[in-house]
Amino acid sequence: MFLSRLNPTEKDCFIKLAVAIMKADGCVEKVEKDFLSVYTKELQLPTLNLEEQYNINPIIEELAKNSTIQNKRIIFLELLALALVDGEYAIEEKTILGQLIKAFELEPSFVEQAIN
């Protein structure tokens, strides 16, 4: 996986966004929890409390301002995979990923290719 390339701040931001994606549609599936477990192990982070709420706007701003384009792409791809893992791509998940696309200034061709 490519998440190990992230710096400590990016790792912390990523895992919080992962929780936000998981909870976005109001239903956290087992397969999503399994993905989160893999992420926390890869990032060498403690498991997060799924009851905690995160304000994603400052998290996205931090990543947009301080991450390389390569790391932004890694973050987007991994969060997209998490959003799709349960077989549903909920509007709430699309909204969060749309915020990332805009803030990260990702090229439409990259986004289209990633989704397909």
PDB file of N, CA and C in Angstrom:
ATOM      1  N   MET A   1       0.846  -1.184   0.000  1.00  0.00           N
ATOM      2  CA  MET A   1       0.000   0.000   0.000  1.00  0.00           C
ATOM      3  C   MET A   1       0.893   1.249   0.000  1.00  0.00           C
ATOM      4  N   PHE A   2       0.301   2.343  -0.374  1.00  0.00           N
ATOM      5  CA  PHE A   2       1.044   3.585  -0.503  1.00  0.00           C
ATOM      6  C   PHE A   2       0.878   4.523   0.687  1.00  0.00           C
ATOM      7  N   LEU A   3       0.020   4.180   1.613  1.00  0.00           N
ATOM      8  CA  LEU A   3      -0.236   5.063   2.749  1.00  0.00           C
ATOM      9  C   LEU A   3       1.005   5.286   3.605  1.00  0.00           C
ATOM     10  N   SER A   4       1.926   4.358   3.576  1.00  0.00           N
ATOM     11  CA  SER A   4       3.151   4.503   4.373  1.00  0.00           C
ATOM     12  C   SER A   4       3.991   5.689   3.907  1.00  0.00           C
ATOM     13  N   ARG A   5       3.725   6.187   2.708  1.00  0.00           N
ATOM     14  CA  ARG A   5       4.444   7.350   2.183  1.00  0.00           C
ATOM     15  C   ARG A   5       3.999   8.666   2.817  1.00  0.00           C
ATOM     16  N   LEU A   6       2.866   8.640   3.500  1.00  0.00           N
ATOM     17  CA  LEU A   6       2.343   9.863   4.110  1.00  0.00           C
ATOM     18  C   LEU A   6       3.160  10.238   5.333  1.00  0.00           C
ATOM     19  N   ASN A   7       3.249  11.550   5.586  1.00  0.00           N
ATOM     20  CA  ASN A   7       3.927  12.007   6.802  1.00  0.00           C
ATOM     21  C   ASN A   7       2.965  11.874   7.989  1.00  0.00           C
ATOM     22  N   PRO A   8       3.441  12.031   9.219  1.00  0.00           N
ATOM     23  CA  PRO A   8       2.569  11.830  10.383  1.00  0.00           C
ATOM     24  C   PRO A   8       1.291  12.678  10.384  1.00  0.00           C
ATOM     25  N   THR A   9       1.381  13.927   9.973  1.00  0.00           N
ATOM     26  CA  THR A   9       0.191  14.783   9.933  1.00  0.00           C
ATOM     27  C   THR A   9      -0.804  14.265   8.898  1.00  0.00           C
ATOM     28  N   GLU A  10      -0.302  13.877   7.731  1.00  0.00           N
ATOM     29  CA  GLU A  10      -1.170  13.345   6.686  1.00  0.00           C
ATOM     30  C   GLU A  10      -1.827  12.036   7.134  1.00  0.00           C
ATOM     31  N   LYS A  11      -1.082  11.200   7.823  1.00  0.00           N
ATOM     32  CA  LYS A  11      -1.640   9.949   8.322  1.00  0.00           C
ATOM     33  C   LYS A  11      -2.800  10.205   9.272  1.00  0.00           C
ATOM     34  N   ASP A  12      -2.607  11.132  10.184  1.00  0.00           N
ATOM     35  CA  ASP A  12      -3.660  11.484  11.146  1.00  0.00           C
ATOM     36  C   ASP A  12      -4.884  12.041  10.424  1.00  0.00           C
ATOM     37  N   CYS A  13      -4.661  12.926   9.480  1.00  0.00           N
ATOM     38  CA  CYS A  13      -5.767  13.502   8.705  1.00  0.00           C
ATOM     39  C   CYS A  13      -6.475  12.419   7.897  1.00  0.00           C
ATOM     40  N   PHE A  14      -5.698  11.550   7.261  1.00  0.00           N
ATOM     41  CA  PHE A  14      -6.286  10.489   6.445  1.00  0.00           C
ATOM     42  C   PHE A  14      -7.210   9.609   7.276  1.00  0.00           C
ATOM     43  N   ILE A  15      -6.752   9.158   8.427  1.00  0.00           N
ATOM     44  CA  ILE A  15      -7.550   8.219   9.208  1.00  0.00           C
ATOM     45  C   ILE A  15      -8.838   8.878   9.702  1.00  0.00           C
ATOM     46  N   LYS A  16      -8.787  10.149  10.016  1.00  0.00           N
ATOM     47  CA  LYS A  16      -9.998  10.869  10.422  1.00  0.00           C
ATOM     48  C   LYS A  16     -10.970  11.002   9.245  1.00  0.00           C
ATOM     49  N   LEU A  17     -10.451  11.248   8.065  1.00  0.00           N
ATOM     50  CA  LEU A  17     -11.318  11.299   6.882  1.00  0.00           C
ATOM     51  C   LEU A  17     -11.893   9.921   6.573  1.00  0.00           C
ATOM     52  N   ALA A  18     -11.119   8.882   6.820  1.00  0.00           N
ATOM     53  CA  ALA A  18     -11.623   7.522   6.601  1.00  0.00           C
ATOM     54  C   ALA A  18     -12.822   7.247   7.505  1.00  0.00           C
ATOM     55  N   VAL A  19     -12.725   7.660   8.756  1.00  0.00           N
ATOM     56  CA  VAL A  19     -13.855   7.489   9.680  1.00  0.00           C
ATOM     57  C   VAL A  19     -15.058   8.296   9.185  1.00  0.00           C
ATOM     58  N   ALA A  20     -14.816   9.509   8.723  1.00  0.00           N
ATOM     59  CA  ALA A  20     -15.911  10.345   8.205  1.00  0.00           C
ATOM     60  C   ALA A  20     -16.587   9.694   7.007  1.00  0.00           C
ATOM     61  N   ILE A  21     -15.805   9.105   6.100  1.00  0.00           N
ATOM     62  CA  ILE A  21     -16.365   8.408   4.936  1.00  0.00           C
ATOM     63  C   ILE A  21     -17.201   7.224   5.400  1.00  0.00           C
ATOM     64  N   MET A  22     -16.667   6.451   6.338  1.00  0.00           N
ATOM     65  CA  MET A  22     -17.383   5.269   6.841  1.00  0.00           C
ATOM     66  C   MET A  22     -18.741   5.639   7.424  1.00  0.00           C
ATOM     67  N   LYS A  23     -18.771   6.733   8.148  1.00  0.00           N
ATOM     68  CA  LYS A  23     -19.986   7.127   8.857  1.00  0.00           C
ATOM     69  C   LYS A  23     -20.916   8.005   8.022  1.00  0.00           C
ATOM     70  N   ALA A  24     -20.460   8.425   6.856  1.00  0.00           N
ATOM     71  CA  ALA A  24     -21.194   9.408   6.056  1.00  0.00           C
ATOM     72  C   ALA A  24     -22.621   8.988   5.734  1.00  0.00           C
ATOM     73  N   ASP A  25     -22.816   7.714   5.402  1.00  0.00           N
ATOM     74  CA  ASP A  25     -24.153   7.267   5.010  1.00  0.00           C
ATOM     75  C   ASP A  25     -24.985   6.777   6.190  1.00  0.00           C
ATOM     76  N   GLY A  26     -24.438   6.897   7.404  1.00  0.00           N
ATOM     77  CA  GLY A  26     -25.187   6.524   8.598  1.00  0.00           C
ATOM     78  C   GLY A  26     -25.130   5.049   8.945  1.00  0.00           C
ATOM     79  N   CYS A  27     -24.399   4.262   8.168  1.00  0.00           N
ATOM     80  CA  CYS A  27     -24.326   2.819   8.404  1.00  0.00           C
ATOM     81  C   CYS A  27     -22.884   2.358   8.202  1.00  0.00           C
ATOM     82  N   VAL A  28     -22.258   1.901   9.283  1.00  0.00           N
ATOM     83  CA  VAL A  28     -20.887   1.418   9.197  1.00  0.00           C
ATOM     84  C   VAL A  28     -20.924  -0.100   9.050  1.00  0.00           C
ATOM     85  N   GLU A  29     -20.503  -0.568   7.891  1.00  0.00           N
ATOM     86  CA  GLU A  29     -20.521  -1.995   7.575  1.00  0.00           C
ATOM     87  C   GLU A  29     -19.250  -2.670   8.107  1.00  0.00           C
ATOM     88  N   LYS A  30     -19.327  -3.983   8.322  1.00  0.00           N
ATOM     89  CA  LYS A  30     -18.172  -4.744   8.803  1.00  0.00           C
ATOM     90  C   LYS A  30     -16.990  -4.618   7.854  1.00  0.00           C
ATOM     91  N   VAL A  31     -17.237  -4.674   6.566  1.00  0.00           N
ATOM     92  CA  VAL A  31     -16.157  -4.577   5.590  1.00  0.00           C
ATOM     93  C   VAL A  31     -15.451  -3.223   5.691  1.00  0.00           C
ATOM     94  N   GLU A  32     -16.176  -2.171   6.032  1.00  0.00           N
ATOM     95  CA  GLU A  32     -15.564  -0.855   6.229  1.00  0.00           C
ATOM     96  C   GLU A  32     -14.690  -0.861   7.482  1.00  0.00           C
ATOM     97  N   LYS A  33     -15.181  -1.491   8.542  1.00  0.00           N
ATOM     98  CA  LYS A  33     -14.381  -1.611   9.768  1.00  0.00           C
ATOM     99  C   LYS A  33     -13.107  -2.396   9.508  1.00  0.00           C
ATOM    100  N   ASP A  34     -13.226  -3.439   8.680  1.00  0.00           N
ATOM    101  CA  ASP A  34     -12.049  -4.229   8.325  1.00  0.00           C
ATOM    102  C   ASP A  34     -11.028  -3.379   7.571  1.00  0.00           C
ATOM    103  N   PHE A  35     -11.501  -2.544   6.647  1.00  0.00           N
ATOM    104  CA  PHE A  35     -10.606  -1.633   5.916  1.00  0.00           C
ATOM    105  C   PHE A  35      -9.920  -0.688   6.890  1.00  0.00           C
ATOM    106  N   LEU A  36     -10.679  -0.134   7.829  1.00  0.00           N
ATOM    107  CA  LEU A  36     -10.110   0.792   8.804  1.00  0.00           C
ATOM    108  C   LEU A  36      -9.027   0.099   9.624  1.00  0.00           C
ATOM    109  N   SER A  37      -9.257  -1.141   9.980  1.00  0.00           N
ATOM    110  CA  SER A  37      -8.267  -1.906  10.730  1.00  0.00           C
ATOM    111  C   SER A  37      -6.975  -2.069   9.931  1.00  0.00           C
ATOM    112  N   VAL A  38      -7.103  -2.363   8.648  1.00  0.00           N
ATOM    113  CA  VAL A  38      -5.934  -2.486   7.781  1.00  0.00           C
ATOM    114  C   VAL A  38      -5.209  -1.142   7.703  1.00  0.00           C
ATOM    115  N   TYR A  39      -5.966  -0.063   7.542  1.00  0.00           N
ATOM    116  CA  TYR A  39      -5.365   1.268   7.468  1.00  0.00           C
ATOM    117  C   TYR A  39      -4.594   1.601   8.741  1.00  0.00           C
ATOM    118  N   THR A  40      -5.196   1.373   9.908  1.00  0.00           N
ATOM    119  CA  THR A  40      -4.533   1.739  11.160  1.00  0.00           C
ATOM    120  C   THR A  40      -3.251   0.921  11.355  1.00  0.00           C
ATOM    121  N   LYS A  41      -3.288  -0.336  10.948  1.00  0.00           N
ATOM    122  CA  LYS A  41      -2.073  -1.163  11.055  1.00  0.00           C
ATOM    123  C   LYS A  41      -0.993  -0.648  10.104  1.00  0.00           C
ATOM    124  N   GLU A  42      -1.372  -0.362   8.861  1.00  0.00           N
ATOM    125  CA  GLU A  42      -0.395   0.123   7.899  1.00  0.00           C
ATOM    126  C   GLU A  42       0.199   1.460   8.322  1.00  0.00           C
ATOM    127  N   LEU A  43      -0.629   2.309   8.877  1.00  0.00           N
ATOM    128  CA  LEU A  43      -0.182   3.637   9.295  1.00  0.00           C
ATOM    129  C   LEU A  43       0.446   3.639  10.687  1.00  0.00           C
ATOM    130  N   GLN A  44       0.376   2.492  11.355  1.00  0.00           N
ATOM    131  CA  GLN A  44       0.881   2.350  12.715  1.00  0.00           C
ATOM    132  C   GLN A  44       0.233   3.370  13.645  1.00  0.00           C
ATOM    133  N   LEU A  45      -1.099   3.432  13.546  1.00  0.00           N
ATOM    134  CA  LEU A  45      -1.900   4.332  14.378  1.00  0.00           C
ATOM    135  C   LEU A  45      -2.839   3.509  15.248  1.00  0.00           C
ATOM    136  N   PRO A  46      -3.226   4.049  16.400  1.00  0.00           N
ATOM    137  CA  PRO A  46      -4.208   3.335  17.214  1.00  0.00           C
ATOM    138  C   PRO A  46      -5.583   3.377  16.548  1.00  0.00           C
ATOM    139  N   THR A  47      -6.403   2.401  16.857  1.00  0.00           N
ATOM    140  CA  THR A  47      -7.768   2.376  16.334  1.00  0.00           C
ATOM    141  C   THR A  47      -8.532   3.567  16.899  1.00  0.00           C
ATOM    142  N   LEU A  48      -9.292   4.220  16.035  1.00  0.00           N
ATOM    143  CA  LEU A  48     -10.053   5.393  16.454  1.00  0.00           C
ATOM    144  C   LEU A  48     -11.413   4.995  17.012  1.00  0.00           C
ATOM    145  N   ASN A  49     -11.925   5.834  17.860  1.00  0.00           N
ATOM    146  CA  ASN A  49     -13.276   5.672  18.385  1.00  0.00           C
ATOM    147  C   ASN A  49     -14.247   6.087  17.284  1.00  0.00           C
ATOM    148  N   LEU A  50     -15.060   5.154  16.835  1.00  0.00           N
ATOM    149  CA  LEU A  50     -15.995   5.447  15.742  1.00  0.00           C
ATOM    150  C   LEU A  50     -17.139   6.359  16.176  1.00  0.00           C
ATOM    151  N   GLU A  51     -17.271   6.582  17.457  1.00  0.00           N
ATOM    152  CA  GLU A  51     -18.313   7.481  17.945  1.00  0.00           C
ATOM    153  C   GLU A  51     -17.898   8.948  17.828  1.00  0.00           C
ATOM    154  N   GLU A  52     -16.609   9.181  17.700  1.00  0.00           N
ATOM    155  CA  GLU A  52     -16.109  10.546  17.641  1.00  0.00           C
ATOM    156  C   GLU A  52     -16.489  11.200  16.310  1.00  0.00           C
ATOM    157  N   GLN A  53     -16.832  12.476  16.377  1.00  0.00           N
ATOM    158  CA  GLN A  53     -17.176  13.250  15.189  1.00  0.00           C
ATOM    159  C   GLN A  53     -15.997  14.146  14.820  1.00  0.00           C
ATOM    160  N   TYR A  54     -15.698  14.227  13.532  1.00  0.00           N
ATOM    161  CA  TYR A  54     -14.596  15.063  13.059  1.00  0.00           C
ATOM    162  C   TYR A  54     -15.128  16.119  12.115  1.00  0.00           C
ATOM    163  N   ASN A  55     -14.668  17.347  12.310  1.00  0.00           N
ATOM    164  CA  ASN A  55     -14.972  18.424  11.380  1.00  0.00           C
ATOM    165  C   ASN A  55     -13.996  18.268  10.217  1.00  0.00           C
ATOM    166  N   ILE A  56     -14.488  17.815   9.084  1.00  0.00           N
ATOM    167  CA  ILE A  56     -13.584  17.472   7.983  1.00  0.00           C
ATOM    168  C   ILE A  56     -13.041  18.689   7.234  1.00  0.00           C
ATOM    169  N   ASN A  57     -13.692  19.825   7.330  1.00  0.00           N
ATOM    170  CA  ASN A  57     -13.235  20.989   6.560  1.00  0.00           C
ATOM    171  C   ASN A  57     -11.799  21.402   6.889  1.00  0.00           C
ATOM    172  N   PRO A  58     -11.440  21.572   8.182  1.00  0.00           N
ATOM    173  CA  PRO A  58     -10.038  21.929   8.448  1.00  0.00           C
ATOM    174  C   PRO A  58      -9.058  20.805   8.112  1.00  0.00           C
ATOM    175  N   ILE A  59      -9.517  19.576   8.177  1.00  0.00           N
ATOM    176  CA  ILE A  59      -8.670  18.441   7.815  1.00  0.00           C
ATOM    177  C   ILE A  59      -8.352  18.497   6.323  1.00  0.00           C
ATOM    178  N   ILE A  60      -9.381  18.706   5.514  1.00  0.00           N
ATOM    179  CA  ILE A  60      -9.194  18.805   4.066  1.00  0.00           C
ATOM    180  C   ILE A  60      -8.312  20.002   3.722  1.00  0.00           C
ATOM    181  N   GLU A  61      -8.542  21.133   4.394  1.00  0.00           N
ATOM    182  CA  GLU A  61      -7.728  22.327   4.151  1.00  0.00           C
ATOM    183  C   GLU A  61      -6.256  22.069   4.457  1.00  0.00           C
ATOM    184  N   GLU A  62      -5.993  21.385   5.568  1.00  0.00           N
ATOM    185  CA  GLU A  62      -4.611  21.055   5.953  1.00  0.00           C
ATOM    186  C   GLU A  62      -3.933  20.227   4.862  1.00  0.00           C
ATOM    187  N   LEU A  63      -4.624  19.198   4.404  1.00  0.00           N
ATOM    188  CA  LEU A  63      -4.057  18.338   3.364  1.00  0.00           C
ATOM    189  C   LEU A  63      -3.878  19.092   2.048  1.00  0.00           C
ATOM    190  N   ALA A  64      -4.855  19.889   1.690  1.00  0.00           N
ATOM    191  CA  ALA A  64      -4.787  20.638   0.428  1.00  0.00           C
ATOM    192  C   ALA A  64      -3.609  21.607   0.427  1.00  0.00           C
ATOM    193  N   LYS A  65      -3.350  22.202   1.566  1.00  0.00           N
ATOM    194  CA  LYS A  65      -2.317  23.220   1.668  1.00  0.00           C
ATOM    195  C   LYS A  65      -0.911  22.625   1.769  1.00  0.00           C
ATOM    196  N   ASN A  66      -0.776  21.490   2.441  1.00  0.00           N
ATOM    197  CA  ASN A  66       0.553  21.012   2.800  1.00  0.00           C
ATOM    198  C   ASN A  66       0.980  19.677   2.196  1.00  0.00           C
ATOM    199  N   SER A  67       0.141  19.040   1.412  1.00  0.00           N
ATOM    200  CA  SER A  67       0.492  17.739   0.841  1.00  0.00           C
ATOM    201  C   SER A  67       0.930  17.869  -0.608  1.00  0.00           C
ATOM    202  N   THR A  68       1.773  16.955  -1.027  1.00  0.00           N
ATOM    203  CA  THR A  68       2.191  16.918  -2.428  1.00  0.00           C
ATOM    204  C   THR A  68       1.033  16.378  -3.269  1.00  0.00           C
ATOM    205  N   ILE A  69       1.094  16.606  -4.563  1.00  0.00           N
ATOM    206  CA  ILE A  69       0.045  16.079  -5.447  1.00  0.00           C
ATOM    207  C   ILE A  69       0.032  14.556  -5.391  1.00  0.00           C
ATOM    208  N   GLN A  70       1.193  13.930  -5.279  1.00  0.00           N
ATOM    209  CA  GLN A  70       1.250  12.479  -5.186  1.00  0.00           C
ATOM    210  C   GLN A  70       0.521  11.987  -3.931  1.00  0.00           C
ATOM    211  N   ASN A  71       0.751  12.616  -2.807  1.00  0.00           N
ATOM    212  CA  ASN A  71       0.080  12.210  -1.572  1.00  0.00           C
ATOM    213  C   ASN A  71      -1.414  12.512  -1.613  1.00  0.00           C
ATOM    214  N   LYS A  72      -1.790  13.594  -2.252  1.00  0.00           N
ATOM    215  CA  LYS A  72      -3.215  13.899  -2.413  1.00  0.00           C
ATOM    216  C   LYS A  72      -3.899  12.802  -3.223  1.00  0.00           C
ATOM    217  N   ARG A  73      -3.234  12.332  -4.264  1.00  0.00           N
ATOM    218  CA  ARG A  73      -3.796  11.257  -5.090  1.00  0.00           C
ATOM    219  C   ARG A  73      -3.912   9.962  -4.287  1.00  0.00           C
ATOM    220  N   ILE A  74      -2.900   9.655  -3.498  1.00  0.00           N
ATOM    221  CA  ILE A  74      -2.942   8.458  -2.658  1.00  0.00           C
ATOM    222  C   ILE A  74      -4.116   8.532  -1.695  1.00  0.00           C
ATOM    223  N   ILE A  75      -4.261   9.656  -1.032  1.00  0.00           N
ATOM    224  CA  ILE A  75      -5.353   9.847  -0.067  1.00  0.00           C
ATOM    225  C   ILE A  75      -6.696   9.689  -0.764  1.00  0.00           C
ATOM    226  N   PHE A  76      -6.855  10.347  -1.901  1.00  0.00           N
ATOM    227  CA  PHE A  76      -8.118  10.258  -2.631  1.00  0.00           C
ATOM    228  C   PHE A  76      -8.424   8.824  -3.038  1.00  0.00           C
ATOM    229  N   LEU A  77      -7.447   8.128  -3.619  1.00  0.00           N
ATOM    230  CA  LEU A  77      -7.673   6.758  -4.090  1.00  0.00           C
ATOM    231  C   LEU A  77      -8.059   5.823  -2.947  1.00  0.00           C
ATOM    232  N   GLU A  78      -7.385   5.934  -1.827  1.00  0.00           N
ATOM    233  CA  GLU A  78      -7.693   5.064  -0.691  1.00  0.00           C
ATOM    234  C   GLU A  78      -9.074   5.373  -0.111  1.00  0.00           C
ATOM    235  N   LEU A  79      -9.429   6.641  -0.048  1.00  0.00           N
ATOM    236  CA  LEU A  79     -10.756   6.997   0.464  1.00  0.00           C
ATOM    237  C   LEU A  79     -11.852   6.600  -0.521  1.00  0.00           C
ATOM    238  N   LEU A  80     -11.573   6.689  -1.796  1.00  0.00           N
ATOM    239  CA  LEU A  80     -12.527   6.222  -2.805  1.00  0.00           C
ATOM    240  C   LEU A  80     -12.747   4.719  -2.652  1.00  0.00           C
ATOM    241  N   ALA A  81     -11.676   3.972  -2.468  1.00  0.00           N
ATOM    242  CA  ALA A  81     -11.792   2.520  -2.270  1.00  0.00           C
ATOM    243  C   ALA A  81     -12.647   2.220  -1.047  1.00  0.00           C
ATOM    244  N   LEU A  82     -12.442   2.958   0.020  1.00  0.00           N
ATOM    245  CA  LEU A  82     -13.237   2.769   1.234  1.00  0.00           C
ATOM    246  C   LEU A  82     -14.707   3.084   0.972  1.00  0.00           C
ATOM    247  N   ALA A  83     -14.968   4.136   0.226  1.00  0.00           N
ATOM    248  CA  ALA A  83     -16.350   4.514  -0.081  1.00  0.00           C
ATOM    249  C   ALA A  83     -17.061   3.446  -0.907  1.00  0.00           C
ATOM    250  N   LEU A  84     -16.312   2.742  -1.742  1.00  0.00           N
ATOM    251  CA  LEU A  84     -16.904   1.751  -2.642  1.00  0.00           C
ATOM    252  C   LEU A  84     -16.910   0.326  -2.084  1.00  0.00           C
ATOM    253  N   VAL A  85     -16.177   0.082  -1.010  1.00  0.00           N
ATOM    254  CA  VAL A  85     -15.967  -1.279  -0.533  1.00  0.00           C
ATOM    255  C   VAL A  85     -17.252  -1.994  -0.123  1.00  0.00           C
ATOM    256  N   ASP A  86     -18.249  -1.267   0.326  1.00  0.00           N
ATOM    257  CA  ASP A  86     -19.498  -1.912   0.757  1.00  0.00           C
ATOM    258  C   ASP A  86     -20.485  -2.097  -0.395  1.00  0.00           C
ATOM    259  N   GLY A  87     -20.064  -1.770  -1.609  1.00  0.00           N
ATOM    260  CA  GLY A  87     -20.922  -1.966  -2.773  1.00  0.00           C
ATOM    261  C   GLY A  87     -21.883  -0.828  -3.040  1.00  0.00           C
ATOM    262  N   GLU A  88     -21.863   0.181  -2.194  1.00  0.00           N
ATOM    263  CA  GLU A  88     -22.721   1.352  -2.385  1.00  0.00           C
ATOM    264  C   GLU A  88     -21.854   2.604  -2.376  1.00  0.00           C
ATOM    265  N   TYR A  89     -22.200   3.536  -3.243  1.00  0.00           N
ATOM    266  CA  TYR A  89     -21.487   4.809  -3.316  1.00  0.00           C
ATOM    267  C   TYR A  89     -22.506   5.885  -2.964  1.00  0.00           C
ATOM    268  N   ALA A  90     -22.696   6.062  -1.668  1.00  0.00           N
ATOM    269  CA  ALA A  90     -23.740   6.948  -1.154  1.00  0.00           C
ATOM    270  C   ALA A  90     -23.455   8.407  -1.498  1.00  0.00           C
ATOM    271  N   ILE A  91     -24.513   9.174  -1.613  1.00  0.00           N
ATOM    272  CA  ILE A  91     -24.405  10.595  -1.944  1.00  0.00           C
ATOM    273  C   ILE A  91     -23.545  11.337  -0.917  1.00  0.00           C
ATOM    274  N   GLU A  92     -23.629  10.925   0.343  1.00  0.00           N
ATOM    275  CA  GLU A  92     -22.837  11.570   1.398  1.00  0.00           C
ATOM    276  C   GLU A  92     -21.344  11.301   1.192  1.00  0.00           C
ATOM    277  N   GLU A  93     -21.022  10.102   0.733  1.00  0.00           N
ATOM    278  CA  GLU A  93     -19.630   9.764   0.439  1.00  0.00           C
ATOM    279  C   GLU A  93     -19.152  10.549  -0.781  1.00  0.00           C
ATOM    280  N   LYS A  94     -19.995  10.647  -1.789  1.00  0.00           N
ATOM    281  CA  LYS A  94     -19.662  11.424  -2.984  1.00  0.00           C
ATOM    282  C   LYS A  94     -19.402  12.885  -2.633  1.00  0.00           C
ATOM    283  N   THR A  95     -20.173  13.399  -1.682  1.00  0.00           N
ATOM    284  CA  THR A  95     -20.017  14.799  -1.275  1.00  0.00           C
ATOM    285  C   THR A  95     -18.640  15.032  -0.659  1.00  0.00           C
ATOM    286  N   ILE A  96     -18.235  14.150   0.247  1.00  0.00           N
ATOM    287  CA  ILE A  96     -16.918  14.293   0.875  1.00  0.00           C
ATOM    288  C   ILE A  96     -15.814  14.161  -0.167  1.00  0.00           C
ATOM    289  N   LEU A  97     -15.928  13.159  -1.017  1.00  0.00           N
ATOM    290  CA  LEU A  97     -14.912  12.982  -2.056  1.00  0.00           C
ATOM    291  C   LEU A  97     -14.905  14.155  -3.036  1.00  0.00           C
ATOM    292  N   GLY A  98     -16.072  14.735  -3.291  1.00  0.00           N
ATOM    293  CA  GLY A  98     -16.144  15.928  -4.131  1.00  0.00           C
ATOM    294  C   GLY A  98     -15.401  17.101  -3.515  1.00  0.00           C
ATOM    295  N   GLN A  99     -15.511  17.239  -2.192  1.00  0.00           N
ATOM    296  CA  GLN A  99     -14.758  18.285  -1.491  1.00  0.00           C
ATOM    297  C   GLN A  99     -13.259  18.069  -1.665  1.00  0.00           C
ATOM    298  N   LEU A 100     -12.831  16.815  -1.570  1.00  0.00           N
ATOM    299  CA  LEU A 100     -11.411  16.506  -1.753  1.00  0.00           C
ATOM    300  C   LEU A 100     -10.957  16.835  -3.173  1.00  0.00           C
ATOM    301  N   ILE A 101     -11.751  16.434  -4.152  1.00  0.00           N
ATOM    302  CA  ILE A 101     -11.408  16.691  -5.552  1.00  0.00           C
ATOM    303  C   ILE A 101     -11.191  18.184  -5.776  1.00  0.00           C
ATOM    304  N   LYS A 102     -12.111  18.969  -5.249  1.00  0.00           N
ATOM    305  CA  LYS A 102     -12.029  20.419  -5.429  1.00  0.00           C
ATOM    306  C   LYS A 102     -10.836  21.005  -4.677  1.00  0.00           C
ATOM    307  N   ALA A 103     -10.694  20.653  -3.402  1.00  0.00           N
ATOM    308  CA  ALA A 103      -9.621  21.214  -2.581  1.00  0.00           C
ATOM    309  C   ALA A 103      -8.243  20.777  -3.071  1.00  0.00           C
ATOM    310  N   PHE A 104      -8.149  19.527  -3.524  1.00  0.00           N
ATOM    311  CA  PHE A 104      -6.874  18.992  -3.993  1.00  0.00           C
ATOM    312  C   PHE A 104      -6.577  19.386  -5.437  1.00  0.00           C
ATOM    313  N   GLU A 105      -7.559  19.985  -6.102  1.00  0.00           N
ATOM    314  CA  GLU A 105      -7.428  20.381  -7.505  1.00  0.00           C
ATOM    315  C   GLU A 105      -6.994  19.200  -8.380  1.00  0.00           C
ATOM    316  N   LEU A 106      -7.694  18.079  -8.182  1.00  0.00           N
ATOM    317  CA  LEU A 106      -7.399  16.877  -8.957  1.00  0.00           C
ATOM    318  C   LEU A 106      -7.960  17.011 -10.367  1.00  0.00           C
ATOM    319  N   GLU A 107      -7.191  16.525 -11.330  1.00  0.00           N
ATOM    320  CA  GLU A 107      -7.597  16.622 -12.722  1.00  0.00           C
ATOM    321  C   GLU A 107      -8.815  15.732 -12.971  1.00  0.00           C
ATOM    322  N   PRO A 108      -9.787  16.223 -13.744  1.00  0.00           N
ATOM    323  CA  PRO A 108     -10.973  15.414 -14.045  1.00  0.00           C
ATOM    324  C   PRO A 108     -10.633  14.054 -14.647  1.00  0.00           C
ATOM    325  N   SER A 109      -9.609  13.996 -15.491  1.00  0.00           N
ATOM    326  CA  SER A 109      -9.246  12.721 -16.110  1.00  0.00           C
ATOM    327  C   SER A 109      -8.760  11.718 -15.059  1.00  0.00           C
ATOM    328  N   PHE A 110      -7.996  12.178 -14.069  1.00  0.00           N
ATOM    329  CA  PHE A 110      -7.536  11.306 -12.982  1.00  0.00           C
ATOM    330  C   PHE A 110      -8.717  10.789 -12.177  1.00  0.00           C
ATOM    331  N   VAL A 111      -9.639  11.675 -11.841  1.00  0.00           N
ATOM    332  CA  VAL A 111     -10.803  11.296 -11.034  1.00  0.00           C
ATOM    333  C   VAL A 111     -11.659  10.286 -11.795  1.00  0.00           C
ATOM    334  N   GLU A 112     -11.914  10.559 -13.056  1.00  0.00           N
ATOM    335  CA  GLU A 112     -12.730   9.642 -13.867  1.00  0.00           C
ATOM    336  C   GLU A 112     -12.080   8.265 -13.962  1.00  0.00           C
ATOM    337  N   GLN A 113     -10.787   8.243 -14.188  1.00  0.00           N
ATOM    338  CA  GLN A 113     -10.059   6.991 -14.286  1.00  0.00           C
ATOM    339  C   GLN A 113     -10.105   6.241 -12.937  1.00  0.00           C
ATOM    340  N   ALA A 114      -9.971   6.954 -11.852  1.00  0.00           N
ATOM    341  CA  ALA A 114     -10.007   6.337 -10.521  1.00  0.00           C
ATOM    342  C   ALA A 114     -11.372   5.719 -10.231  1.00  0.00           C
ATOM    343  N   ILE A 115     -12.421   6.415 -10.581  1.00  0.00           N
ATOM    344  CA  ILE A 115     -13.782   5.919 -10.318  1.00  0.00           C
ATOM    345  C   ILE A 115     -14.100   4.707 -11.185  1.00  0.00           C
ATOM    346  N   ASN A 116     -13.655   4.749 -12.415  1.00  0.00           N
ATOM    347  CA  ASN A 116     -13.915   3.622 -13.325  1.00  0.00           C
ATOM    348  C   ASN A 116     -13.037   2.442 -12.961  1.00  0.00           C
TER     349      ASN A 116
END
